[in-house]
């Protein structure tokens, strides 16, 4: 197992969460790639997207959705013009993970996490496990509990 995936599974275990990380050498960089690899719907891919909206936040969104910057701005009480994607350095420095491998929890620093409410319609979703080649199955409720995530309407309509 890739050292970063092992690190994630160890961090999760420290929080009482068993992770069944599965690696796909061909990569799971996009939601469609991940869905093809694990054999699920694109909507069941839980993509952790890092954005800046007065501070770095993580939005765990369905792979079938795009994050609405306007809806995130309203949640955060900031001007929509001030919401942007976090850059690779910000993601690595704050969360400790590289873009494409950001898990929904076990970040280096505590940040606000929002859970796309459409994910709650699935029993199991698949999230990144520390690298762009590793994913793990998890219930949306578990993400919500472990990440202290706020369910929210964050999808572009």
C-alpha atoms as a PDB file:
ATOM      1  CA  UNK A   1       0.000   0.000   0.000  1.00  0.00           C
ATOM      2  CA  UNK A   2       1.196   3.502  -0.816  1.00  0.00           C
ATOM      3  CA  UNK A   3       2.711   5.174   2.292  1.00  0.00           C
ATOM      4  CA  UNK A   4       0.178   8.037   2.162  1.00  0.00           C
ATOM      5  CA  UNK A   5      -2.747   5.598   2.023  1.00  0.00           C
ATOM      6  CA  UNK A   6      -1.226   3.704   4.956  1.00  0.00           C
ATOM      7  CA  UNK A   7      -0.841   6.975   6.837  1.00  0.00           C
ATOM      8  CA  UNK A   8      -4.499   7.770   6.232  1.00  0.00           C
ATOM      9  CA  UNK A   9      -5.686   4.343   7.391  1.00  0.00           C
ATOM     10  CA  UNK A  10      -3.522   4.685  10.526  1.00  0.00           C
ATOM     11  CA  UNK A  11      -4.895   8.162  11.269  1.00  0.00           C
ATOM     12  CA  UNK A  12      -8.439   6.909  10.775  1.00  0.00           C
ATOM     13  CA  UNK A  13      -7.795   3.930  13.072  1.00  0.00           C
ATOM     14  CA  UNK A  14      -6.565   6.358  15.737  1.00  0.00           C
ATOM     15  CA  UNK A  15     -10.032   7.917  15.520  1.00  0.00           C
ATOM     16  CA  UNK A  16     -11.764   4.566  15.761  1.00  0.00           C
ATOM     17  CA  UNK A  17     -12.557   4.305  12.067  1.00  0.00           C
ATOM     18  CA  UNK A  18     -11.701   1.119  10.192  1.00  0.00           C
ATOM     19  CA  UNK A  19     -10.796   1.944   6.593  1.00  0.00           C
ATOM     20  CA  UNK A  20     -10.732  -0.609   3.804  1.00  0.00           C
ATOM     21  CA  UNK A  21      -8.514   1.362   1.405  1.00  0.00           C
ATOM     22  CA  UNK A  22      -8.380   0.024  -2.110  1.00  0.00           C
ATOM     23  CA  UNK A  23      -5.694   1.074  -4.529  1.00  0.00           C
ATOM     24  CA  UNK A  24      -6.064   1.429  -8.277  1.00  0.00           C
ATOM     25  CA  UNK A  25      -2.739   1.958 -10.082  1.00  0.00           C
ATOM     26  CA  UNK A  26      -4.574   3.361 -13.094  1.00  0.00           C
ATOM     27  CA  UNK A  27      -5.745   6.172 -10.811  1.00  0.00           C
ATOM     28  CA  UNK A  28      -8.981   7.564  -9.496  1.00  0.00           C
ATOM     29  CA  UNK A  29      -8.222  11.230 -10.190  1.00  0.00           C
ATOM     30  CA  UNK A  30     -11.694  12.050 -11.498  1.00  0.00           C
ATOM     31  CA  UNK A  31     -15.048  10.991 -10.124  1.00  0.00           C
ATOM     32  CA  UNK A  32     -15.690   9.050 -13.334  1.00  0.00           C
ATOM     33  CA  UNK A  33     -12.341   7.236 -12.991  1.00  0.00           C
ATOM     34  CA  UNK A  34     -13.118   6.349  -9.380  1.00  0.00           C
ATOM     35  CA  UNK A  35     -16.639   5.161 -10.213  1.00  0.00           C
ATOM     36  CA  UNK A  36     -15.314   2.976 -13.038  1.00  0.00           C
ATOM     37  CA  UNK A  37     -12.625   1.524 -10.767  1.00  0.00           C
ATOM     38  CA  UNK A  38     -14.961   0.565  -7.915  1.00  0.00           C
ATOM     39  CA  UNK A  39     -18.059  -0.187  -9.981  1.00  0.00           C
ATOM     40  CA  UNK A  40     -20.465   2.396  -8.598  1.00  0.00           C
ATOM     41  CA  UNK A  41     -22.389   5.421  -9.814  1.00  0.00           C
ATOM     42  CA  UNK A  42     -20.466   8.671 -10.259  1.00  0.00           C
ATOM     43  CA  UNK A  43     -22.915  10.180  -7.747  1.00  0.00           C
ATOM     44  CA  UNK A  44     -21.505   7.804  -5.081  1.00  0.00           C
ATOM     45  CA  UNK A  45     -18.033   9.306  -5.297  1.00  0.00           C
ATOM     46  CA  UNK A  46     -17.449  11.621  -2.334  1.00  0.00           C
ATOM     47  CA  UNK A  47     -14.970  14.180  -3.658  1.00  0.00           C
ATOM     48  CA  UNK A  48     -13.261  16.332  -1.028  1.00  0.00           C
ATOM     49  CA  UNK A  49     -12.889  19.762  -2.597  1.00  0.00           C
ATOM     50  CA  UNK A  50     -10.802  22.416  -0.813  1.00  0.00           C
ATOM     51  CA  UNK A  51     -11.983  25.982  -1.230  1.00  0.00           C
ATOM     52  CA  UNK A  52     -11.206  29.271   0.435  1.00  0.00           C
ATOM     53  CA  UNK A  53     -14.228  31.160   1.777  1.00  0.00           C
ATOM     54  CA  UNK A  54     -12.684  33.435   4.451  1.00  0.00           C
ATOM     55  CA  UNK A  55     -10.635  30.361   5.427  1.00  0.00           C
ATOM     56  CA  UNK A  56      -9.881  27.018   3.855  1.00  0.00           C
ATOM     57  CA  UNK A  57     -12.885  24.688   4.001  1.00  0.00           C
ATOM     58  CA  UNK A  58     -13.552  21.217   2.639  1.00  0.00           C
ATOM     59  CA  UNK A  59     -16.735  20.441   0.738  1.00  0.00           C
ATOM     60  CA  UNK A  60     -17.350  16.708   0.386  1.00  0.00           C
ATOM     61  CA  UNK A  61     -19.488  16.653  -2.717  1.00  0.00           C
ATOM     62  CA  UNK A  62     -21.023  14.021  -4.921  1.00  0.00           C
ATOM     63  CA  UNK A  63     -18.966  13.261  -8.002  1.00  0.00           C
ATOM     64  CA  UNK A  64     -22.082  14.027 -10.037  1.00  0.00           C
ATOM     65  CA  UNK A  65     -22.229  17.595  -8.697  1.00  0.00           C
ATOM     66  CA  UNK A  66     -20.197  20.758  -8.898  1.00  0.00           C
ATOM     67  CA  UNK A  67     -19.870  23.004  -5.851  1.00  0.00           C
ATOM     68  CA  UNK A  68     -21.826  26.246  -6.023  1.00  0.00           C
ATOM     69  CA  UNK A  69     -19.511  29.014  -4.896  1.00  0.00           C
ATOM     70  CA  UNK A  70     -22.577  31.212  -4.315  1.00  0.00           C
ATOM     71  CA  UNK A  71     -24.162  28.634  -1.992  1.00  0.00           C
ATOM     72  CA  UNK A  72     -20.885  28.162  -0.131  1.00  0.00           C
ATOM     73  CA  UNK A  73     -20.527  31.942   0.204  1.00  0.00           C
ATOM     74  CA  UNK A  74     -24.025  32.126   1.711  1.00  0.00           C
ATOM     75  CA  UNK A  75     -23.172  29.340   4.180  1.00  0.00           C
ATOM     76  CA  UNK A  76     -19.970  31.119   5.189  1.00  0.00           C
ATOM     77  CA  UNK A  77     -21.458  34.631   5.193  1.00  0.00           C
ATOM     78  CA  UNK A  78     -18.934  35.950   2.676  1.00  0.00           C
ATOM     79  CA  UNK A  79     -19.123  37.684  -0.689  1.00  0.00           C
ATOM     80  CA  UNK A  80     -19.306  35.119  -3.525  1.00  0.00           C
ATOM     81  CA  UNK A  81     -16.450  36.972  -5.242  1.00  0.00           C
ATOM     82  CA  UNK A  82     -14.245  35.997  -2.293  1.00  0.00           C
ATOM     83  CA  UNK A  83     -14.781  32.225  -2.721  1.00  0.00           C
ATOM     84  CA  UNK A  84     -12.153  30.386  -4.731  1.00  0.00           C
ATOM     85  CA  UNK A  85     -10.536  26.999  -5.144  1.00  0.00           C
ATOM     86  CA  UNK A  86      -7.605  26.498  -2.786  1.00  0.00           C
ATOM     87  CA  UNK A  87      -4.295  26.108  -4.554  1.00  0.00           C
ATOM     88  CA  UNK A  88      -2.114  23.018  -4.219  1.00  0.00           C
ATOM     89  CA  UNK A  89       0.205  24.623  -1.662  1.00  0.00           C
ATOM     90  CA  UNK A  90      -2.702  25.760   0.534  1.00  0.00           C
ATOM     91  CA  UNK A  91      -4.230  22.287   0.412  1.00  0.00           C
ATOM     92  CA  UNK A  92      -0.971  20.540   1.285  1.00  0.00           C
ATOM     93  CA  UNK A  93      -0.047  23.060   4.026  1.00  0.00           C
ATOM     94  CA  UNK A  94      -3.468  23.075   5.701  1.00  0.00           C
ATOM     95  CA  UNK A  95      -4.816  19.585   5.139  1.00  0.00           C
ATOM     96  CA  UNK A  96      -1.582  17.633   4.740  1.00  0.00           C
ATOM     97  CA  UNK A  97      -2.767  15.885   1.591  1.00  0.00           C
ATOM     98  CA  UNK A  98      -2.261  16.492  -2.129  1.00  0.00           C
ATOM     99  CA  UNK A  99      -5.111  17.538  -4.397  1.00  0.00           C
ATOM    100  CA  UNK A 100      -6.811  14.404  -5.747  1.00  0.00           C
ATOM    101  CA  UNK A 101      -6.088  12.415  -2.605  1.00  0.00           C
ATOM    102  CA  UNK A 102      -7.764  14.561   0.070  1.00  0.00           C
ATOM    103  CA  UNK A 103      -9.869  12.368   2.355  1.00  0.00           C
ATOM    104  CA  UNK A 104     -13.021  13.734   4.011  1.00  0.00           C
ATOM    105  CA  UNK A 105     -11.392  13.614   7.466  1.00  0.00           C
ATOM    106  CA  UNK A 106      -7.996  13.134   9.160  1.00  0.00           C
ATOM    107  CA  UNK A 107      -6.642  16.489   8.035  1.00  0.00           C
ATOM    108  CA  UNK A 108      -3.543  18.063   9.605  1.00  0.00           C
ATOM    109  CA  UNK A 109      -5.598  21.024  10.804  1.00  0.00           C
ATOM    110  CA  UNK A 110      -9.213  21.218  11.789  1.00  0.00           C
ATOM    111  CA  UNK A 111     -11.200  23.027   9.101  1.00  0.00           C
ATOM    112  CA  UNK A 112     -14.924  23.450   8.486  1.00  0.00           C
ATOM    113  CA  UNK A 113     -16.290  20.536   6.468  1.00  0.00           C
ATOM    114  CA  UNK A 114     -19.556  20.568   4.544  1.00  0.00           C
ATOM    115  CA  UNK A 115     -21.229  17.398   3.286  1.00  0.00           C
ATOM    116  CA  UNK A 116     -23.198  17.604   0.044  1.00  0.00           C
ATOM    117  CA  UNK A 117     -26.655  16.580   1.200  1.00  0.00           C
ATOM    118  CA  UNK A 118     -27.199  14.534  -1.968  1.00  0.00           C
ATOM    119  CA  UNK A 119     -24.634  12.021  -0.663  1.00  0.00           C
ATOM    120  CA  UNK A 120     -26.994  11.229   2.203  1.00  0.00           C
ATOM    121  CA  UNK A 121     -29.190   9.358  -0.281  1.00  0.00           C
ATOM    122  CA  UNK A 122     -26.619   6.544  -0.476  1.00  0.00           C
ATOM    123  CA  UNK A 123     -25.816   3.833   2.039  1.00  0.00           C
ATOM    124  CA  UNK A 124     -22.180   3.777   0.917  1.00  0.00           C
ATOM    125  CA  UNK A 125     -20.030   6.314  -0.898  1.00  0.00           C
ATOM    126  CA  UNK A 126     -16.377   6.158  -1.956  1.00  0.00           C
ATOM    127  CA  UNK A 127     -13.844   8.751  -0.814  1.00  0.00           C
ATOM    128  CA  UNK A 128     -10.140   9.379  -1.394  1.00  0.00           C
ATOM    129  CA  UNK A 129      -7.821   7.576   1.009  1.00  0.00           C
ATOM    130  CA  UNK A 130      -4.804   9.879   0.973  1.00  0.00           C
ATOM    131  CA  UNK A 131      -3.663   9.461  -2.634  1.00  0.00           C
ATOM    132  CA  UNK A 132      -5.225   9.867  -6.092  1.00  0.00           C
ATOM    133  CA  UNK A 133      -4.963   6.083  -6.509  1.00  0.00           C
ATOM    134  CA  UNK A 134      -6.707   4.995  -3.285  1.00  0.00           C
ATOM    135  CA  UNK A 135     -10.348   5.117  -2.225  1.00  0.00           C
ATOM    136  CA  UNK A 136     -12.403   3.609   0.575  1.00  0.00           C
ATOM    137  CA  UNK A 137     -16.081   2.838   1.150  1.00  0.00           C
ATOM    138  CA  UNK A 138     -17.803   4.789   3.911  1.00  0.00           C
ATOM    139  CA  UNK A 139     -21.317   5.814   4.875  1.00  0.00           C
ATOM    140  CA  UNK A 140     -22.198   9.496   4.549  1.00  0.00           C
ATOM    141  CA  UNK A 141     -23.265   9.392   8.215  1.00  0.00           C
ATOM    142  CA  UNK A 142     -19.766   8.252   9.179  1.00  0.00           C
ATOM    143  CA  UNK A 143     -18.219  11.130   7.217  1.00  0.00           C
ATOM    144  CA  UNK A 144     -20.597  13.515   8.943  1.00  0.00           C
ATOM    145  CA  UNK A 145     -19.713  12.196  12.394  1.00  0.00           C
ATOM    146  CA  UNK A 146     -15.939  11.823  12.030  1.00  0.00           C
ATOM    147  CA  UNK A 147     -15.398  15.064  10.090  1.00  0.00           C
ATOM    148  CA  UNK A 148     -17.972  16.959  12.169  1.00  0.00           C
ATOM    149  CA  UNK A 149     -19.370  17.849   8.754  1.00  0.00           C
ATOM    150  CA  UNK A 150     -22.377  20.065   8.261  1.00  0.00           C
ATOM    151  CA  UNK A 151     -24.840  18.662   5.706  1.00  0.00           C
ATOM    152  CA  UNK A 152     -25.583  21.401   3.202  1.00  0.00           C
ATOM    153  CA  UNK A 153     -27.104  22.198  -0.150  1.00  0.00           C
ATOM    154  CA  UNK A 154     -23.867  23.013  -1.992  1.00  0.00           C
ATOM    155  CA  UNK A 155     -24.534  21.709  -5.512  1.00  0.00           C
ATOM    156  CA  UNK A 156     -24.857  23.857  -8.594  1.00  0.00           C
ATOM    157  CA  UNK A 157     -28.433  23.600  -9.815  1.00  0.00           C
END
